[in-house]
Amino acid sequence: MEDDPDTLDGIKELINIGVGKAAGILGELTSSHVILQVPTLHIVEVGERPRYTSGDSLLSMVFLDFSGPLKGRMAILFSPESAANLVILLTDESDTTAEMDMIRSETLTEIGNILINGVMGTISNFIGEPLTYALPVYTENRAAYLAEPFGDSDHVLYATTQFQVKGRNVQGDILIMLEHGSLFPLIRKINAVMDSG
């Protein structure tokens, strides 16, 4: 699918609103100023894996499946280094014990859940219809793992996201995978809003 600039701008704005809400919640939880930005966004088909995967690199990821007028999966992905840095920034814990592994899993699951709910809640409100959510899942795997339930012609919205916490930057990726046909209600709504403006 070709990247249509107006569609990309509309979806990127929705994601930015969602991550902005998440930044506010994370800021309250950590008593720190949290800045979250989404500088880039692309839309491709699932079959174009090299465009949105990091090869065979193991990543720390949180994903959540959703259904309703849009059906798919949203995930937030971090390299192991970025995941560790983010957990240290948010918890002030820098231990490398098994207890730290549990803290990392719980912290990243919570961060992922807040981000995913912020973004998908914003999209759901925008289209004016509720979505049904599964529980968030934390795993360490390759990005291609997220695509396993999807067909090659399903769509992936992939975006880079940058966290700034306590003056330090951490980068991750957001993937929103949509079953074939689920992208179009969102595009229609964006076009209707632009046409009425």
N, C-alpha and C. Protein backbone atom coordinates (compact mmCIF):
# COMPACT_ATOMS: atom_id res chain seq x y z
N MET A 1 0.85 -1.20 0.00
CA MET A 1 0.00 0.00 0.00
C MET A 1 0.88 1.24 0.00
N GLU A 2 0.57 2.17 -0.89
CA GLU A 2 1.33 3.41 -0.93
C GLU A 2 0.99 4.28 0.28
N ASP A 3 1.99 4.97 0.77
CA ASP A 3 1.78 5.87 1.90
C ASP A 3 1.13 7.16 1.40
N ASP A 4 -0.16 7.34 1.68
CA ASP A 4 -0.86 8.57 1.32
C ASP A 4 -0.58 9.62 2.39
N PRO A 5 0.00 10.77 2.02
CA PRO A 5 0.41 11.75 3.03
C PRO A 5 -0.72 12.20 3.95
N ASP A 6 -1.92 12.46 3.40
CA ASP A 6 -3.02 12.93 4.24
C ASP A 6 -3.47 11.85 5.22
N THR A 7 -3.55 10.60 4.73
CA THR A 7 -3.93 9.49 5.62
C THR A 7 -2.89 9.31 6.70
N LEU A 8 -1.61 9.32 6.31
CA LEU A 8 -0.54 9.16 7.29
C LEU A 8 -0.58 10.27 8.33
N ASP A 9 -0.79 11.50 7.88
CA ASP A 9 -0.85 12.63 8.83
C ASP A 9 -2.00 12.45 9.81
N GLY A 10 -3.16 12.01 9.30
CA GLY A 10 -4.31 11.82 10.18
C GLY A 10 -4.08 10.73 11.20
N ILE A 11 -3.54 9.58 10.75
CA ILE A 11 -3.29 8.48 11.68
C ILE A 11 -2.18 8.85 12.66
N LYS A 12 -1.14 9.53 12.16
CA LYS A 12 -0.04 9.93 13.05
C LYS A 12 -0.54 10.89 14.13
N GLU A 13 -1.45 11.77 13.75
CA GLU A 13 -2.02 12.70 14.74
C GLU A 13 -2.79 11.93 15.81
N LEU A 14 -3.58 10.93 15.39
CA LEU A 14 -4.31 10.12 16.38
C LEU A 14 -3.34 9.40 17.32
N ILE A 15 -2.27 8.83 16.75
CA ILE A 15 -1.29 8.12 17.59
C ILE A 15 -0.60 9.10 18.52
N ASN A 16 -0.27 10.30 18.02
CA ASN A 16 0.37 11.30 18.88
C ASN A 16 -0.53 11.72 20.03
N ILE A 17 -1.83 11.86 19.76
CA ILE A 17 -2.77 12.19 20.84
C ILE A 17 -2.78 11.08 21.87
N GLY A 18 -2.82 9.83 21.38
CA GLY A 18 -2.82 8.69 22.28
C GLY A 18 -1.57 8.59 23.12
N VAL A 19 -0.40 8.77 22.50
CA VAL A 19 0.84 8.67 23.28
C VAL A 19 0.98 9.87 24.21
N GLY A 20 0.39 11.00 23.82
CA GLY A 20 0.40 12.16 24.73
C GLY A 20 -0.38 11.87 26.00
N LYS A 21 -1.53 11.20 25.86
CA LYS A 21 -2.30 10.79 27.05
C LYS A 21 -1.48 9.82 27.90
N ALA A 22 -0.82 8.87 27.22
CA ALA A 22 0.01 7.90 27.94
C ALA A 22 1.15 8.58 28.67
N ALA A 23 1.75 9.59 28.04
CA ALA A 23 2.85 10.32 28.68
C ALA A 23 2.39 10.99 29.96
N GLY A 24 1.17 11.54 29.92
CA GLY A 24 0.63 12.18 31.13
C GLY A 24 0.45 11.18 32.26
N ILE A 25 -0.06 9.99 31.94
CA ILE A 25 -0.26 8.96 32.96
C ILE A 25 1.08 8.49 33.50
N LEU A 26 2.04 8.23 32.60
CA LEU A 26 3.36 7.78 33.04
C LEU A 26 4.06 8.84 33.88
N GLY A 27 3.85 10.10 33.52
CA GLY A 27 4.43 11.19 34.30
C GLY A 27 3.88 11.22 35.71
N GLU A 28 2.57 10.99 35.84
CA GLU A 28 1.96 10.94 37.18
C GLU A 28 2.49 9.75 37.98
N LEU A 29 2.63 8.60 37.33
CA LEU A 29 3.09 7.40 38.03
C LEU A 29 4.53 7.52 38.50
N THR A 30 5.35 8.24 37.73
CA THR A 30 6.78 8.31 38.04
C THR A 30 7.20 9.64 38.67
N SER A 31 6.26 10.56 38.79
CA SER A 31 6.59 11.91 39.28
C SER A 31 7.72 12.53 38.46
N SER A 32 7.74 12.22 37.18
CA SER A 32 8.76 12.76 36.28
C SER A 32 8.06 13.32 35.05
N HIS A 33 8.75 14.25 34.38
CA HIS A 33 8.20 14.78 33.13
C HIS A 33 8.52 13.78 32.02
N VAL A 34 7.50 13.19 31.43
CA VAL A 34 7.67 12.20 30.37
C VAL A 34 7.20 12.80 29.05
N ILE A 35 8.08 12.77 28.06
CA ILE A 35 7.72 13.25 26.72
C ILE A 35 7.71 12.04 25.79
N LEU A 36 6.62 11.88 25.08
CA LEU A 36 6.49 10.80 24.10
C LEU A 36 6.17 11.42 22.75
N GLN A 37 6.91 11.02 21.73
CA GLN A 37 6.66 11.54 20.39
C GLN A 37 6.66 10.40 19.38
N VAL A 38 5.92 10.60 18.30
CA VAL A 38 5.90 9.63 17.19
C VAL A 38 6.36 10.38 15.94
N PRO A 39 7.66 10.37 15.67
CA PRO A 39 8.16 11.16 14.54
C PRO A 39 7.91 10.56 13.16
N THR A 40 7.79 9.23 13.06
CA THR A 40 7.58 8.63 11.74
C THR A 40 6.47 7.59 11.79
N LEU A 41 5.76 7.43 10.66
CA LEU A 41 4.70 6.43 10.53
C LEU A 41 4.66 5.95 9.09
N HIS A 42 4.53 4.64 8.90
CA HIS A 42 4.38 4.05 7.57
C HIS A 42 3.27 3.02 7.61
N ILE A 43 2.63 2.80 6.46
CA ILE A 43 1.63 1.75 6.33
C ILE A 43 2.10 0.80 5.23
N VAL A 44 2.21 -0.48 5.57
CA VAL A 44 2.64 -1.49 4.60
C VAL A 44 1.77 -2.72 4.76
N GLU A 45 1.94 -3.67 3.88
CA GLU A 45 1.26 -4.95 4.03
C GLU A 45 2.13 -5.89 4.87
N VAL A 46 1.49 -6.80 5.57
CA VAL A 46 2.20 -7.73 6.46
C VAL A 46 3.29 -8.49 5.69
N GLY A 47 3.03 -8.79 4.42
CA GLY A 47 4.00 -9.53 3.63
C GLY A 47 5.31 -8.79 3.41
N GLU A 48 5.32 -7.47 3.64
CA GLU A 48 6.54 -6.67 3.46
C GLU A 48 7.36 -6.67 4.75
N ARG A 49 7.65 -7.84 5.29
CA ARG A 49 8.28 -7.93 6.62
C ARG A 49 9.58 -7.14 6.77
N PRO A 50 10.46 -7.10 5.77
CA PRO A 50 11.71 -6.35 5.99
C PRO A 50 11.49 -4.87 6.30
N ARG A 51 10.34 -4.34 5.92
CA ARG A 51 10.09 -2.91 6.16
C ARG A 51 9.82 -2.60 7.62
N TYR A 52 9.32 -3.57 8.37
CA TYR A 52 8.94 -3.23 9.75
C TYR A 52 9.53 -4.17 10.79
N THR A 53 10.35 -5.11 10.40
CA THR A 53 10.97 -6.01 11.39
C THR A 53 12.45 -5.69 11.51
N SER A 54 13.03 -6.15 12.60
CA SER A 54 14.45 -5.90 12.86
C SER A 54 15.25 -7.19 12.66
N GLY A 55 14.94 -7.90 11.60
CA GLY A 55 15.66 -9.13 11.32
C GLY A 55 15.46 -10.16 12.42
N ASP A 56 16.54 -10.76 12.85
CA ASP A 56 16.48 -11.81 13.85
C ASP A 56 16.74 -11.30 15.26
N SER A 57 16.74 -9.99 15.44
CA SER A 57 17.02 -9.44 16.77
C SER A 57 15.90 -9.78 17.74
N LEU A 58 16.28 -10.21 18.93
CA LEU A 58 15.29 -10.42 19.99
C LEU A 58 14.89 -9.07 20.56
N LEU A 59 13.60 -8.88 20.75
CA LEU A 59 13.07 -7.61 21.25
C LEU A 59 12.22 -7.87 22.48
N SER A 60 12.13 -6.86 23.35
CA SER A 60 11.18 -6.89 24.46
C SER A 60 9.91 -6.24 23.94
N MET A 61 8.78 -6.96 24.03
CA MET A 61 7.56 -6.42 23.43
C MET A 61 6.34 -6.70 24.31
N VAL A 62 5.42 -5.78 24.23
CA VAL A 62 4.11 -5.96 24.84
C VAL A 62 3.09 -5.82 23.72
N PHE A 63 2.16 -6.79 23.63
CA PHE A 63 1.13 -6.67 22.59
C PHE A 63 -0.23 -7.01 23.17
N LEU A 64 -1.23 -6.53 22.47
CA LEU A 64 -2.61 -6.70 22.90
C LEU A 64 -3.47 -6.85 21.66
N ASP A 65 -4.33 -7.85 21.65
CA ASP A 65 -5.25 -8.06 20.52
C ASP A 65 -6.56 -7.31 20.78
N PHE A 66 -7.16 -6.84 19.71
CA PHE A 66 -8.43 -6.11 19.82
C PHE A 66 -9.36 -6.54 18.70
N SER A 67 -10.65 -6.36 18.93
CA SER A 67 -11.64 -6.72 17.92
C SER A 67 -12.79 -5.73 17.98
N GLY A 68 -13.65 -5.78 16.99
CA GLY A 68 -14.75 -4.83 16.86
C GLY A 68 -14.75 -4.33 15.43
N PRO A 69 -15.07 -3.04 15.20
CA PRO A 69 -15.03 -2.51 13.84
C PRO A 69 -13.62 -2.54 13.25
N LEU A 70 -12.62 -2.52 14.12
CA LEU A 70 -11.23 -2.76 13.73
C LEU A 70 -10.79 -4.04 14.44
N LYS A 71 -10.10 -4.91 13.73
CA LYS A 71 -9.65 -6.15 14.33
C LYS A 71 -8.16 -6.32 14.06
N GLY A 72 -7.40 -6.56 15.13
CA GLY A 72 -5.97 -6.71 14.92
C GLY A 72 -5.20 -6.80 16.22
N ARG A 73 -4.00 -6.25 16.18
CA ARG A 73 -3.07 -6.36 17.31
C ARG A 73 -2.22 -5.10 17.35
N MET A 74 -2.00 -4.56 18.55
CA MET A 74 -1.06 -3.46 18.70
C MET A 74 0.06 -3.90 19.61
N ALA A 75 1.28 -3.48 19.26
CA ALA A 75 2.45 -3.86 20.05
C ALA A 75 3.38 -2.68 20.20
N ILE A 76 4.10 -2.66 21.31
CA ILE A 76 5.20 -1.73 21.53
C ILE A 76 6.45 -2.58 21.70
N LEU A 77 7.51 -2.24 20.96
CA LEU A 77 8.72 -3.06 20.91
C LEU A 77 9.94 -2.23 21.29
N PHE A 78 10.82 -2.83 22.10
CA PHE A 78 12.07 -2.19 22.49
C PHE A 78 13.22 -3.16 22.30
N SER A 79 14.38 -2.64 21.94
CA SER A 79 15.58 -3.47 21.99
C SER A 79 15.83 -3.80 23.46
N PRO A 80 16.56 -4.88 23.76
CA PRO A 80 16.85 -5.19 25.18
C PRO A 80 17.51 -4.03 25.91
N GLU A 81 18.39 -3.30 25.20
CA GLU A 81 19.08 -2.16 25.84
C GLU A 81 18.09 -1.04 26.17
N SER A 82 17.23 -0.71 25.20
CA SER A 82 16.24 0.35 25.44
C SER A 82 15.26 -0.06 26.53
N ALA A 83 14.85 -1.35 26.53
CA ALA A 83 13.94 -1.83 27.56
C ALA A 83 14.57 -1.68 28.94
N ALA A 84 15.83 -2.10 29.07
CA ALA A 84 16.52 -1.99 30.35
C ALA A 84 16.66 -0.53 30.78
N ASN A 85 17.03 0.34 29.83
CA ASN A 85 17.18 1.77 30.16
C ASN A 85 15.85 2.38 30.60
N LEU A 86 14.77 2.01 29.93
CA LEU A 86 13.46 2.56 30.27
C LEU A 86 13.03 2.11 31.66
N VAL A 87 13.25 0.84 31.97
CA VAL A 87 12.90 0.32 33.30
C VAL A 87 13.72 1.02 34.37
N ILE A 88 15.02 1.20 34.12
CA ILE A 88 15.88 1.90 35.09
C ILE A 88 15.41 3.33 35.29
N LEU A 89 15.07 4.02 34.19
CA LEU A 89 14.61 5.40 34.29
C LEU A 89 13.31 5.52 35.08
N LEU A 90 12.42 4.55 34.88
CA LEU A 90 11.10 4.64 35.50
C LEU A 90 11.05 4.07 36.92
N THR A 91 11.99 3.19 37.26
CA THR A 91 11.93 2.54 38.58
C THR A 91 13.12 2.88 39.48
N ASP A 92 14.16 3.49 38.89
CA ASP A 92 15.41 3.74 39.62
C ASP A 92 16.07 2.45 40.08
N GLU A 93 15.70 1.32 39.48
CA GLU A 93 16.33 0.03 39.79
C GLU A 93 17.35 -0.28 38.71
N SER A 94 18.54 -0.67 39.11
CA SER A 94 19.56 -1.00 38.11
C SER A 94 20.18 -2.37 38.37
N ASP A 95 19.55 -3.17 39.22
CA ASP A 95 20.06 -4.50 39.55
C ASP A 95 19.88 -5.43 38.35
N THR A 96 20.68 -6.46 38.24
CA THR A 96 20.58 -7.41 37.13
C THR A 96 20.18 -8.80 37.62
N THR A 97 19.59 -8.88 38.78
CA THR A 97 19.20 -10.17 39.33
C THR A 97 17.91 -10.68 38.69
N ALA A 98 17.52 -11.90 39.07
CA ALA A 98 16.24 -12.45 38.58
C ALA A 98 15.08 -11.58 39.02
N GLU A 99 15.21 -10.96 40.20
CA GLU A 99 14.15 -10.05 40.67
C GLU A 99 14.01 -8.88 39.71
N MET A 100 15.14 -8.39 39.18
CA MET A 100 15.09 -7.30 38.21
C MET A 100 14.39 -7.75 36.94
N ASP A 101 14.58 -9.02 36.53
CA ASP A 101 13.88 -9.53 35.35
C ASP A 101 12.37 -9.47 35.55
N MET A 102 11.90 -9.79 36.76
CA MET A 102 10.48 -9.72 37.05
C MET A 102 10.00 -8.27 37.04
N ILE A 103 10.81 -7.38 37.63
CA ILE A 103 10.46 -5.95 37.64
C ILE A 103 10.39 -5.43 36.21
N ARG A 104 11.35 -5.86 35.38
CA ARG A 104 11.36 -5.43 33.98
C ARG A 104 10.09 -5.88 33.27
N SER A 105 9.73 -7.16 33.43
CA SER A 105 8.53 -7.69 32.80
C SER A 105 7.29 -6.93 33.24
N GLU A 106 7.14 -6.73 34.55
CA GLU A 106 5.96 -6.04 35.07
C GLU A 106 5.92 -4.58 34.63
N THR A 107 7.09 -3.91 34.67
CA THR A 107 7.14 -2.50 34.31
C THR A 107 6.83 -2.31 32.83
N LEU A 108 7.45 -3.13 31.98
CA LEU A 108 7.21 -2.99 30.55
C LEU A 108 5.78 -3.36 30.17
N THR A 109 5.21 -4.34 30.85
CA THR A 109 3.81 -4.69 30.60
C THR A 109 2.91 -3.50 30.94
N GLU A 110 3.19 -2.85 32.06
CA GLU A 110 2.38 -1.69 32.46
C GLU A 110 2.55 -0.53 31.49
N ILE A 111 3.82 -0.25 31.10
CA ILE A 111 4.07 0.83 30.14
C ILE A 111 3.37 0.52 28.81
N GLY A 112 3.53 -0.72 28.34
CA GLY A 112 2.89 -1.12 27.09
C GLY A 112 1.38 -1.00 27.17
N ASN A 113 0.81 -1.43 28.28
CA ASN A 113 -0.65 -1.37 28.45
C ASN A 113 -1.14 0.08 28.43
N ILE A 114 -0.42 0.96 29.10
CA ILE A 114 -0.80 2.38 29.13
C ILE A 114 -0.72 2.98 27.73
N LEU A 115 0.38 2.68 27.02
CA LEU A 115 0.56 3.20 25.66
C LEU A 115 -0.50 2.66 24.71
N ILE A 116 -0.70 1.36 24.76
CA ILE A 116 -1.65 0.73 23.84
C ILE A 116 -3.06 1.25 24.10
N ASN A 117 -3.46 1.33 25.36
CA ASN A 117 -4.80 1.83 25.67
C ASN A 117 -4.95 3.29 25.30
N GLY A 118 -3.88 4.08 25.47
CA GLY A 118 -3.94 5.49 25.06
C GLY A 118 -4.18 5.63 23.57
N VAL A 119 -3.42 4.86 22.78
CA VAL A 119 -3.53 4.95 21.32
C VAL A 119 -4.84 4.34 20.82
N MET A 120 -5.13 3.09 21.24
CA MET A 120 -6.32 2.44 20.72
C MET A 120 -7.60 3.11 21.25
N GLY A 121 -7.55 3.64 22.47
CA GLY A 121 -8.70 4.38 23.00
C GLY A 121 -8.97 5.63 22.18
N THR A 122 -7.90 6.32 21.76
CA THR A 122 -8.04 7.51 20.92
C THR A 122 -8.62 7.15 19.56
N ILE A 123 -8.12 6.05 18.97
CA ILE A 123 -8.63 5.61 17.67
C ILE A 123 -10.10 5.18 17.78
N SER A 124 -10.43 4.44 18.84
CA SER A 124 -11.80 3.99 19.06
C SER A 124 -12.75 5.19 19.21
N ASN A 125 -12.34 6.19 19.99
CA ASN A 125 -13.15 7.40 20.16
C ASN A 125 -13.33 8.12 18.83
N PHE A 126 -12.27 8.15 18.04
CA PHE A 126 -12.31 8.86 16.76
C PHE A 126 -13.31 8.22 15.80
N ILE A 127 -13.29 6.87 15.71
CA ILE A 127 -14.23 6.22 14.79
C ILE A 127 -15.62 6.12 15.39
N GLY A 128 -15.75 6.40 16.69
CA GLY A 128 -17.05 6.45 17.33
C GLY A 128 -17.64 5.09 17.67
N GLU A 129 -16.81 4.06 17.73
CA GLU A 129 -17.29 2.72 18.06
C GLU A 129 -16.32 2.05 19.02
N PRO A 130 -16.85 1.29 20.00
CA PRO A 130 -15.97 0.66 20.98
C PRO A 130 -15.22 -0.54 20.41
N LEU A 131 -14.05 -0.81 20.99
CA LEU A 131 -13.28 -2.00 20.66
C LEU A 131 -13.24 -2.91 21.88
N THR A 132 -13.09 -4.19 21.65
CA THR A 132 -12.95 -5.17 22.72
C THR A 132 -11.48 -5.59 22.79
N TYR A 133 -10.91 -5.61 24.01
CA TYR A 133 -9.49 -5.85 24.17
C TYR A 133 -9.22 -7.16 24.92
N ALA A 134 -8.19 -7.87 24.48
CA ALA A 134 -7.66 -8.99 25.24
C ALA A 134 -6.68 -8.44 26.28
N LEU A 135 -6.14 -9.30 27.12
CA LEU A 135 -5.16 -8.88 28.11
C LEU A 135 -3.81 -8.65 27.43
N PRO A 136 -3.02 -7.69 27.93
CA PRO A 136 -1.70 -7.47 27.35
C PRO A 136 -0.77 -8.64 27.65
N VAL A 137 0.13 -8.89 26.71
CA VAL A 137 1.09 -10.00 26.83
C VAL A 137 2.49 -9.42 26.69
N TYR A 138 3.39 -9.78 27.62
CA TYR A 138 4.80 -9.40 27.52
C TYR A 138 5.59 -10.62 27.05
N THR A 139 6.48 -10.42 26.09
CA THR A 139 7.33 -11.51 25.64
C THR A 139 8.63 -10.95 25.09
N GLU A 140 9.62 -11.79 24.99
CA GLU A 140 10.87 -11.44 24.31
C GLU A 140 10.96 -12.35 23.09
N ASN A 141 10.90 -11.73 21.91
CA ASN A 141 10.83 -12.50 20.68
C ASN A 141 11.25 -11.61 19.52
N ARG A 142 11.17 -12.14 18.33
CA ARG A 142 11.46 -11.37 17.12
C ARG A 142 10.19 -10.69 16.63
N ALA A 143 10.34 -9.56 15.96
CA ALA A 143 9.17 -8.80 15.51
C ALA A 143 8.27 -9.64 14.61
N ALA A 144 8.86 -10.53 13.81
CA ALA A 144 8.05 -11.35 12.90
C ALA A 144 7.05 -12.22 13.64
N TYR A 145 7.31 -12.52 14.91
CA TYR A 145 6.39 -13.33 15.72
C TYR A 145 5.01 -12.69 15.79
N LEU A 146 4.98 -11.36 15.81
CA LEU A 146 3.71 -10.64 15.95
C LEU A 146 2.82 -10.84 14.72
N ALA A 147 3.43 -11.14 13.57
CA ALA A 147 2.68 -11.24 12.32
C ALA A 147 2.11 -12.62 12.08
N GLU A 148 2.45 -13.60 12.91
CA GLU A 148 2.07 -14.99 12.63
C GLU A 148 0.57 -15.20 12.39
N PRO A 149 -0.33 -14.52 13.16
CA PRO A 149 -1.77 -14.78 12.91
C PRO A 149 -2.33 -14.06 11.69
N PHE A 150 -1.50 -13.26 10.99
CA PHE A 150 -2.02 -12.38 9.94
C PHE A 150 -1.60 -12.87 8.56
N GLY A 151 -2.41 -12.48 7.56
CA GLY A 151 -2.10 -12.81 6.17
C GLY A 151 -1.22 -11.74 5.55
N ASP A 152 -0.58 -12.08 4.43
CA ASP A 152 0.36 -11.15 3.80
C ASP A 152 -0.30 -9.86 3.34
N SER A 153 -1.62 -9.89 3.05
CA SER A 153 -2.29 -8.68 2.56
C SER A 153 -2.94 -7.87 3.68
N ASP A 154 -2.85 -8.35 4.93
CA ASP A 154 -3.28 -7.52 6.06
C ASP A 154 -2.31 -6.34 6.20
N HIS A 155 -2.69 -5.36 6.99
CA HIS A 155 -1.90 -4.13 7.05
C HIS A 155 -1.14 -3.96 8.36
N VAL A 156 -0.01 -3.28 8.25
CA VAL A 156 0.78 -2.92 9.42
C VAL A 156 0.98 -1.42 9.40
N LEU A 157 0.62 -0.75 10.50
CA LEU A 157 1.00 0.63 10.72
C LEU A 157 2.20 0.57 11.65
N TYR A 158 3.34 1.02 11.18
CA TYR A 158 4.50 0.97 12.07
C TYR A 158 5.10 2.35 12.23
N ALA A 159 5.41 2.66 13.48
CA ALA A 159 5.88 3.99 13.83
C ALA A 159 7.04 3.88 14.80
N THR A 160 7.97 4.80 14.68
CA THR A 160 8.98 4.91 15.73
C THR A 160 8.40 5.78 16.82
N THR A 161 8.77 5.51 18.04
CA THR A 161 8.35 6.36 19.15
C THR A 161 9.56 6.68 20.01
N GLN A 162 9.62 7.89 20.50
CA GLN A 162 10.75 8.33 21.33
C GLN A 162 10.23 8.75 22.70
N PHE A 163 10.80 8.15 23.73
CA PHE A 163 10.52 8.52 25.11
C PHE A 163 11.62 9.46 25.58
N GLN A 164 11.23 10.47 26.30
CA GLN A 164 12.23 11.26 27.01
C GLN A 164 11.80 11.32 28.46
N VAL A 165 12.60 10.70 29.31
CA VAL A 165 12.31 10.63 30.74
C VAL A 165 13.55 11.09 31.49
N LYS A 166 13.37 12.04 32.40
CA LYS A 166 14.50 12.53 33.20
C LYS A 166 15.66 12.96 32.30
N GLY A 167 15.30 13.58 31.17
CA GLY A 167 16.31 14.12 30.28
C GLY A 167 17.04 13.11 29.43
N ARG A 168 16.63 11.83 29.47
CA ARG A 168 17.29 10.80 28.67
C ARG A 168 16.31 10.24 27.63
N ASN A 169 16.86 9.84 26.48
CA ASN A 169 16.02 9.35 25.39
C ASN A 169 16.04 7.83 25.31
N VAL A 170 14.89 7.26 25.04
CA VAL A 170 14.76 5.83 24.77
C VAL A 170 13.87 5.69 23.53
N GLN A 171 14.27 4.83 22.60
CA GLN A 171 13.48 4.68 21.38
C GLN A 171 12.85 3.30 21.32
N GLY A 172 11.65 3.24 20.78
CA GLY A 172 10.96 1.97 20.57
C GLY A 172 10.17 2.04 19.28
N ASP A 173 9.43 1.01 19.00
CA ASP A 173 8.59 0.98 17.81
C ASP A 173 7.18 0.58 18.20
N ILE A 174 6.22 1.16 17.51
CA ILE A 174 4.81 0.81 17.67
C ILE A 174 4.38 0.10 16.39
N LEU A 175 3.73 -1.05 16.54
CA LEU A 175 3.13 -1.74 15.41
C LEU A 175 1.64 -1.88 15.67
N ILE A 176 0.82 -1.50 14.71
CA ILE A 176 -0.61 -1.78 14.76
C ILE A 176 -0.90 -2.65 13.54
N MET A 177 -1.23 -3.91 13.78
CA MET A 177 -1.50 -4.85 12.70
C MET A 177 -3.01 -4.99 12.57
N LEU A 178 -3.51 -4.78 11.36
CA LEU A 178 -4.96 -4.79 11.13
C LEU A 178 -5.31 -5.85 10.10
N GLU A 179 -6.30 -6.67 10.43
CA GLU A 179 -6.78 -7.64 9.45
C GLU A 179 -7.31 -6.91 8.22
N HIS A 180 -7.23 -7.60 7.07
CA HIS A 180 -7.61 -6.98 5.81
C HIS A 180 -9.03 -6.39 5.91
N GLY A 181 -9.16 -5.14 5.54
CA GLY A 181 -10.45 -4.47 5.61
C GLY A 181 -10.60 -3.58 6.83
N SER A 182 -9.81 -3.85 7.91
CA SER A 182 -9.96 -3.05 9.13
C SER A 182 -9.36 -1.66 9.01
N LEU A 183 -8.43 -1.49 8.07
CA LEU A 183 -7.82 -0.16 7.90
C LEU A 183 -8.80 0.83 7.27
N PHE A 184 -9.72 0.32 6.45
CA PHE A 184 -10.52 1.23 5.63
C PHE A 184 -11.56 2.04 6.40
N PRO A 185 -12.20 1.50 7.47
CA PRO A 185 -13.08 2.37 8.26
C PRO A 185 -12.33 3.56 8.86
N LEU A 186 -11.09 3.34 9.25
CA LEU A 186 -10.28 4.43 9.81
C LEU A 186 -9.96 5.47 8.73
N ILE A 187 -9.57 5.00 7.56
CA ILE A 187 -9.25 5.92 6.46
C ILE A 187 -10.50 6.70 6.04
N ARG A 188 -11.65 6.00 5.96
CA ARG A 188 -12.90 6.69 5.57
C ARG A 188 -13.24 7.80 6.56
N LYS A 189 -13.07 7.51 7.86
CA LYS A 189 -13.39 8.51 8.89
C LYS A 189 -12.44 9.71 8.79
N ILE A 190 -11.15 9.43 8.57
CA ILE A 190 -10.18 10.53 8.40
C ILE A 190 -10.54 11.38 7.20
N ASN A 191 -10.88 10.73 6.08
CA ASN A 191 -11.25 11.48 4.87
C ASN A 191 -12.51 12.29 5.10
N ALA A 192 -13.51 11.72 5.83
CA ALA A 192 -14.75 12.45 6.10
C ALA A 192 -14.47 13.69 6.95
N VAL A 193 -13.59 13.55 7.94
CA VAL A 193 -13.25 14.71 8.80
C VAL A 193 -12.54 15.78 7.98
N MET A 194 -11.61 15.35 7.11
CA MET A 194 -10.88 16.34 6.29
C MET A 194 -11.83 17.02 5.30
N ASP A 195 -12.76 16.26 4.73
CA ASP A 195 -13.70 16.84 3.77
C ASP A 195 -14.64 17.84 4.43
N SER A 196 -15.00 17.58 5.70
CA SER A 196 -15.92 18.48 6.38
C SER A 196 -15.21 19.72 6.92
N GLY A 197 -13.86 19.66 6.98
CA GLY A 197 -13.08 20.80 7.49
C GLY A 197 -12.90 21.80 6.40
